[in-house]
């Protein structure tokens, strides 16, 4: 499985990469959609997230604390 792919001008990262980076479970990842994480993009059987959007939302969440 590829951890990162490019789609048009967007870099997408896989759901397992997001989970590992944030130190959360699959269940938490699904609960965080759409409040903390952006809606994922399904390619085949895999979920991918827009890297820039994930980082922006994480920064916004940290700033609001």
PDB file of N, CA and C in Angstrom:
ATOM      1  N   UNK A   1       0.840  -1.180   0.000  1.00  0.00           N
ATOM      2  CA  UNK A   1       0.000   0.000   0.000  1.00  0.00           C
ATOM      3  C   UNK A   1       0.884   1.243   0.000  1.00  0.00           C
ATOM      4  N   UNK A   2       0.457   2.196  -0.759  1.00  0.00           N
ATOM      5  CA  UNK A   2       1.205   3.445  -0.823  1.00  0.00           C
ATOM      6  C   UNK A   2       0.730   4.385   0.268  1.00  0.00           C
ATOM      7  N   UNK A   3       1.682   4.961   0.986  1.00  0.00           N
ATOM      8  CA  UNK A   3       1.340   5.884   2.060  1.00  0.00           C
ATOM      9  C   UNK A   3       0.951   7.256   1.529  1.00  0.00           C
ATOM     10  N   UNK A   4       1.554   7.648   0.420  1.00  0.00           N
ATOM     11  CA  UNK A   4       1.278   8.960  -0.161  1.00  0.00           C
ATOM     12  C   UNK A   4       1.089   8.807  -1.655  1.00  0.00           C
ATOM     13  N   UNK A   5       0.122   9.548  -2.182  1.00  0.00           N
ATOM     14  CA  UNK A   5      -0.073   9.591  -3.627  1.00  0.00           C
ATOM     15  C   UNK A   5      -0.373  11.034  -4.019  1.00  0.00           C
ATOM     16  N   UNK A   6      -0.127  11.338  -5.257  1.00  0.00           N
ATOM     17  CA  UNK A   6      -0.438  12.657  -5.786  1.00  0.00           C
ATOM     18  C   UNK A   6      -1.664  12.530  -6.682  1.00  0.00           C
ATOM     19  N   UNK A   7      -2.633  13.399  -6.474  1.00  0.00           N
ATOM     20  CA  UNK A   7      -3.840  13.427  -7.285  1.00  0.00           C
ATOM     21  C   UNK A   7      -4.026  14.866  -7.726  1.00  0.00           C
ATOM     22  N   UNK A   8      -3.875  15.089  -9.005  1.00  0.00           N
ATOM     23  CA  UNK A   8      -3.829  16.453  -9.552  1.00  0.00           C
ATOM     24  C   UNK A   8      -2.697  17.188  -8.852  1.00  0.00           C
ATOM     25  N   UNK A   9      -3.004  18.254  -8.155  1.00  0.00           N
ATOM     26  CA  UNK A   9      -1.961  19.020  -7.462  1.00  0.00           C
ATOM     27  C   UNK A   9      -2.008  18.794  -5.955  1.00  0.00           C
ATOM     28  N   UNK A  10      -2.745  17.781  -5.517  1.00  0.00           N
ATOM     29  CA  UNK A  10      -2.909  17.516  -4.084  1.00  0.00           C
ATOM     30  C   UNK A  10      -2.124  16.278  -3.664  1.00  0.00           C
ATOM     31  N   UNK A  11      -1.505  16.357  -2.501  1.00  0.00           N
ATOM     32  CA  UNK A  11      -0.833  15.198  -1.931  1.00  0.00           C
ATOM     33  C   UNK A  11      -1.795  14.540  -0.951  1.00  0.00           C
ATOM     34  N   UNK A  12      -2.038  13.265  -1.159  1.00  0.00           N
ATOM     35  CA  UNK A  12      -2.935  12.513  -0.298  1.00  0.00           C
ATOM     36  C   UNK A  12      -2.134  11.533   0.540  1.00  0.00           C
ATOM     37  N   UNK A  13      -2.512  11.400   1.815  1.00  0.00           N
ATOM     38  CA  UNK A  13      -1.854  10.452   2.707  1.00  0.00           C
ATOM     39  C   UNK A  13      -2.870   9.410   3.144  1.00  0.00           C
ATOM     40  N   UNK A  14      -2.411   8.194   3.344  1.00  0.00           N
ATOM     41  CA  UNK A  14      -3.294   7.085   3.670  1.00  0.00           C
ATOM     42  C   UNK A  14      -3.822   7.197   5.101  1.00  0.00           C
ATOM     43  N   UNK A  15      -4.954   6.555   5.339  1.00  0.00           N
ATOM     44  CA  UNK A  15      -5.549   6.539   6.678  1.00  0.00           C
ATOM     45  C   UNK A  15      -4.583   5.946   7.708  1.00  0.00           C
ATOM     46  N   UNK A  16      -3.908   4.807   7.425  1.00  0.00           N
ATOM     47  CA  UNK A  16      -2.950   4.293   8.415  1.00  0.00           C
ATOM     48  C   UNK A  16      -1.832   5.275   8.752  1.00  0.00           C
ATOM     49  N   UNK A  17      -1.411   6.079   7.781  1.00  0.00           N
ATOM     50  CA  UNK A  17      -0.386   7.098   8.043  1.00  0.00           C
ATOM     51  C   UNK A  17      -0.905   8.165   9.002  1.00  0.00           C
ATOM     52  N   UNK A  18      -2.145   8.581   8.799  1.00  0.00           N
ATOM     53  CA  UNK A  18      -2.762   9.579   9.680  1.00  0.00           C
ATOM     54  C   UNK A  18      -2.901   9.011  11.087  1.00  0.00           C
ATOM     55  N   UNK A  19      -3.357   7.784  11.181  1.00  0.00           N
ATOM     56  CA  UNK A  19      -3.543   7.125  12.476  1.00  0.00           C
ATOM     57  C   UNK A  19      -2.224   7.032  13.226  1.00  0.00           C
ATOM     58  N   UNK A  20      -1.188   6.622  12.520  1.00  0.00           N
ATOM     59  CA  UNK A  20       0.130   6.488  13.146  1.00  0.00           C
ATOM     60  C   UNK A  20       0.666   7.855  13.572  1.00  0.00           C
ATOM     61  N   UNK A  21       0.528   8.839  12.706  1.00  0.00           N
ATOM     62  CA  UNK A  21       1.054  10.177  13.000  1.00  0.00           C
ATOM     63  C   UNK A  21       0.363  10.812  14.202  1.00  0.00           C
ATOM     64  N   UNK A  22      -0.953  10.626  14.296  1.00  0.00           N
ATOM     65  CA  UNK A  22      -1.710  11.246  15.377  1.00  0.00           C
ATOM     66  C   UNK A  22      -1.785  10.374  16.629  1.00  0.00           C
ATOM     67  N   UNK A  23      -1.398   9.110  16.501  1.00  0.00           N
ATOM     68  CA  UNK A  23      -1.431   8.205  17.647  1.00  0.00           C
ATOM     69  C   UNK A  23      -2.848   7.886  18.091  1.00  0.00           C
ATOM     70  N   UNK A  24      -3.727   7.667  17.113  1.00  0.00           N
ATOM     71  CA  UNK A  24      -5.128   7.384  17.419  1.00  0.00           C
ATOM     72  C   UNK A  24      -5.518   6.032  16.832  1.00  0.00           C
ATOM     73  N   UNK A  25      -6.708   5.568  17.174  1.00  0.00           N
ATOM     74  CA  UNK A  25      -7.221   4.309  16.640  1.00  0.00           C
ATOM     75  C   UNK A  25      -8.090   4.583  15.410  1.00  0.00           C
ATOM     76  N   UNK A  26      -8.458   3.502  14.700  1.00  0.00           N
ATOM     77  CA  UNK A  26      -9.370   3.647  13.566  1.00  0.00           C
ATOM     78  C   UNK A  26     -10.704   4.231  14.025  1.00  0.00           C
ATOM     79  N   UNK A  27     -11.179   3.767  15.175  1.00  0.00           N
ATOM     80  CA  UNK A  27     -12.458   4.259  15.687  1.00  0.00           C
ATOM     81  C   UNK A  27     -12.410   5.764  15.937  1.00  0.00           C
ATOM     82  N   UNK A  28     -11.320   6.222  16.529  1.00  0.00           N
ATOM     83  CA  UNK A  28     -11.171   7.652  16.789  1.00  0.00           C
ATOM     84  C   UNK A  28     -11.094   8.419  15.482  1.00  0.00           C
ATOM     85  N   UNK A  29     -10.388   7.888  14.490  1.00  0.00           N
ATOM     86  CA  UNK A  29     -10.298   8.551  13.193  1.00  0.00           C
ATOM     87  C   UNK A  29     -11.695   8.767  12.617  1.00  0.00           C
ATOM     88  N   UNK A  30     -12.524   7.736  12.647  1.00  0.00           N
ATOM     89  CA  UNK A  30     -13.875   7.868  12.099  1.00  0.00           C
ATOM     90  C   UNK A  30     -14.731   8.844  12.904  1.00  0.00           C
ATOM     91  N   UNK A  31     -14.544   8.893  14.222  1.00  0.00           N
ATOM     92  CA  UNK A  31     -15.293   9.845  15.048  1.00  0.00           C
ATOM     93  C   UNK A  31     -14.873  11.278  14.749  1.00  0.00           C
ATOM     94  N   UNK A  32     -13.621  11.467  14.425  1.00  0.00           N
ATOM     95  CA  UNK A  32     -13.097  12.806  14.172  1.00  0.00           C
ATOM     96  C   UNK A  32     -13.512  13.375  12.822  1.00  0.00           C
ATOM     97  N   UNK A  33     -14.029  12.535  11.933  1.00  0.00           N
ATOM     98  CA  UNK A  33     -14.514  13.005  10.627  1.00  0.00           C
ATOM     99  C   UNK A  33     -15.939  13.511  10.846  1.00  0.00           C
ATOM    100  N   UNK A  34     -16.356  14.652  10.489  1.00  0.00           N
ATOM    101  CA  UNK A  34     -15.676  15.754   9.823  1.00  0.00           C
ATOM    102  C   UNK A  34     -15.252  16.876  10.769  1.00  0.00           C
ATOM    103  N   UNK A  35     -15.381  16.677  12.092  1.00  0.00           N
ATOM    104  CA  UNK A  35     -15.078  17.770  13.020  1.00  0.00           C
ATOM    105  C   UNK A  35     -13.598  18.132  13.079  1.00  0.00           C
ATOM    106  N   UNK A  36     -12.727  17.134  13.149  1.00  0.00           N
ATOM    107  CA  UNK A  36     -11.284  17.380  13.256  1.00  0.00           C
ATOM    108  C   UNK A  36     -10.587  17.054  11.936  1.00  0.00           C
ATOM    109  N   UNK A  37     -10.945  15.949  11.331  1.00  0.00           N
ATOM    110  CA  UNK A  37     -10.335  15.532  10.069  1.00  0.00           C
ATOM    111  C   UNK A  37     -11.265  15.835   8.901  1.00  0.00           C
ATOM    112  N   UNK A  38     -10.684  16.134   7.732  1.00  0.00           N
ATOM    113  CA  UNK A  38     -11.520  16.370   6.551  1.00  0.00           C
ATOM    114  C   UNK A  38     -12.125  15.053   6.060  1.00  0.00           C
ATOM    115  N   UNK A  39     -13.153  15.129   5.248  1.00  0.00           N
ATOM    116  CA  UNK A  39     -13.699  13.892   4.674  1.00  0.00           C
ATOM    117  C   UNK A  39     -12.627  13.186   3.842  1.00  0.00           C
ATOM    118  N   UNK A  40     -12.515  11.868   3.988  1.00  0.00           N
ATOM    119  CA  UNK A  40     -11.505  11.137   3.219  1.00  0.00           C
ATOM    120  C   UNK A  40     -11.939  10.919   1.779  1.00  0.00           C
ATOM    121  N   UNK A  41     -10.961  10.577   0.966  1.00  0.00           N
ATOM    122  CA  UNK A  41     -11.194  10.224  -0.428  1.00  0.00           C
ATOM    123  C   UNK A  41     -10.941   8.727  -0.538  1.00  0.00           C
ATOM    124  N   UNK A  42     -11.912   8.003  -1.082  1.00  0.00           N
ATOM    125  CA  UNK A  42     -11.755   6.556  -1.235  1.00  0.00           C
ATOM    126  C   UNK A  42     -11.202   6.262  -2.627  1.00  0.00           C
ATOM    127  N   UNK A  43     -10.085   5.551  -2.650  1.00  0.00           N
ATOM    128  CA  UNK A  43      -9.485   5.091  -3.896  1.00  0.00           C
ATOM    129  C   UNK A  43      -9.368   3.584  -3.768  1.00  0.00           C
ATOM    130  N   UNK A  44     -10.188   2.882  -4.528  1.00  0.00           N
ATOM    131  CA  UNK A  44     -10.261   1.432  -4.364  1.00  0.00           C
ATOM    132  C   UNK A  44     -10.838   1.120  -2.998  1.00  0.00           C
ATOM    133  N   UNK A  45     -10.140   0.322  -2.230  1.00  0.00           N
ATOM    134  CA  UNK A  45     -10.584  -0.020  -0.879  1.00  0.00           C
ATOM    135  C   UNK A  45      -9.922   0.835   0.189  1.00  0.00           C
ATOM    136  N   UNK A  46      -9.077   1.755  -0.198  1.00  0.00           N
ATOM    137  CA  UNK A  46      -8.286   2.543   0.741  1.00  0.00           C
ATOM    138  C   UNK A  46      -8.848   3.960   0.913  1.00  0.00           C
ATOM    139  N   UNK A  47      -8.636   4.494   2.107  1.00  0.00           N
ATOM    140  CA  UNK A  47      -9.005   5.875   2.397  1.00  0.00           C
ATOM    141  C   UNK A  47      -7.754   6.739   2.407  1.00  0.00           C
ATOM    142  N   UNK A  48      -7.869   7.903   1.803  1.00  0.00           N
ATOM    143  CA  UNK A  48      -6.776   8.871   1.785  1.00  0.00           C
ATOM    144  C   UNK A  48      -7.316  10.224   2.199  1.00  0.00           C
ATOM    145  N   UNK A  49      -6.439  11.028   2.822  1.00  0.00           N
ATOM    146  CA  UNK A  49      -6.798  12.367   3.260  1.00  0.00           C
ATOM    147  C   UNK A  49      -5.881  13.370   2.577  1.00  0.00           C
ATOM    148  N   UNK A  50      -6.427  14.539   2.280  1.00  0.00           N
ATOM    149  CA  UNK A  50      -5.624  15.630   1.730  1.00  0.00           C
ATOM    150  C   UNK A  50      -4.666  16.097   2.824  1.00  0.00           C
ATOM    151  N   UNK A  51      -3.369  15.981   2.566  1.00  0.00           N
ATOM    152  CA  UNK A  51      -2.351  16.273   3.576  1.00  0.00           C
ATOM    153  C   UNK A  51      -2.444  17.705   4.085  1.00  0.00           C
ATOM    154  N   UNK A  52      -2.564  18.669   3.187  1.00  0.00           N
ATOM    155  CA  UNK A  52      -2.613  20.074   3.592  1.00  0.00           C
ATOM    156  C   UNK A  52      -3.850  20.367   4.437  1.00  0.00           C
ATOM    157  N   UNK A  53      -4.972  19.786   4.066  1.00  0.00           N
ATOM    158  CA  UNK A  53      -6.203  20.023   4.814  1.00  0.00           C
ATOM    159  C   UNK A  53      -6.125  19.415   6.221  1.00  0.00           C
ATOM    160  N   UNK A  54      -5.525  18.234   6.323  1.00  0.00           N
ATOM    161  CA  UNK A  54      -5.355  17.602   7.638  1.00  0.00           C
ATOM    162  C   UNK A  54      -4.487  18.490   8.524  1.00  0.00           C
ATOM    163  N   UNK A  55      -3.363  18.945   8.004  1.00  0.00           N
ATOM    164  CA  UNK A  55      -2.466  19.780   8.794  1.00  0.00           C
ATOM    165  C   UNK A  55      -3.131  21.093   9.204  1.00  0.00           C
ATOM    166  N   UNK A  56      -3.887  21.706   8.299  1.00  0.00           N
ATOM    167  CA  UNK A  56      -4.581  22.954   8.637  1.00  0.00           C
ATOM    168  C   UNK A  56      -5.607  22.731   9.736  1.00  0.00           C
ATOM    169  N   UNK A  57      -6.356  21.654   9.647  1.00  0.00           N
ATOM    170  CA  UNK A  57      -7.380  21.380  10.660  1.00  0.00           C
ATOM    171  C   UNK A  57      -6.755  21.047  12.015  1.00  0.00           C
ATOM    172  N   UNK A  58      -5.631  20.338  12.006  1.00  0.00           N
ATOM    173  CA  UNK A  58      -4.960  20.025  13.269  1.00  0.00           C
ATOM    174  C   UNK A  58      -4.455  21.314  13.913  1.00  0.00           C
ATOM    175  N   UNK A  59      -3.889  22.200  13.117  1.00  0.00           N
ATOM    176  CA  UNK A  59      -3.421  23.486  13.643  1.00  0.00           C
ATOM    177  C   UNK A  59      -4.579  24.309  14.194  1.00  0.00           C
ATOM    178  N   UNK A  60      -5.717  24.326  13.497  1.00  0.00           N
ATOM    179  CA  UNK A  60      -6.880  25.062  13.977  1.00  0.00           C
ATOM    180  C   UNK A  60      -7.388  24.490  15.292  1.00  0.00           C
ATOM    181  N   UNK A  61      -7.380  23.165  15.413  1.00  0.00           N
ATOM    182  CA  UNK A  61      -7.836  22.521  16.634  1.00  0.00           C
ATOM    183  C   UNK A  61      -6.911  22.867  17.802  1.00  0.00           C
ATOM    184  N   UNK A  62      -5.601  22.897  17.561  1.00  0.00           N
ATOM    185  CA  UNK A  62      -4.655  23.231  18.604  1.00  0.00           C
ATOM    186  C   UNK A  62      -4.759  24.705  19.005  1.00  0.00           C
ATOM    187  N   UNK A  63      -5.008  25.573  18.041  1.00  0.00           N
ATOM    188  CA  UNK A  63      -5.119  26.995  18.332  1.00  0.00           C
ATOM    189  C   UNK A  63      -6.358  27.325  19.160  1.00  0.00           C
ATOM    190  N   UNK A  64      -7.408  26.529  19.020  1.00  0.00           N
ATOM    191  CA  UNK A  64      -8.644  26.814  19.745  1.00  0.00           C
ATOM    192  C   UNK A  64      -8.609  26.358  21.194  1.00  0.00           C
ATOM    193  N   UNK A  65      -7.551  25.634  21.585  1.00  0.00           N
ATOM    194  CA  UNK A  65      -7.437  25.155  22.973  1.00  0.00           C
ATOM    195  C   UNK A  65      -6.873  26.213  23.878  1.00  0.00           C
TER     196      UNK A  65
END
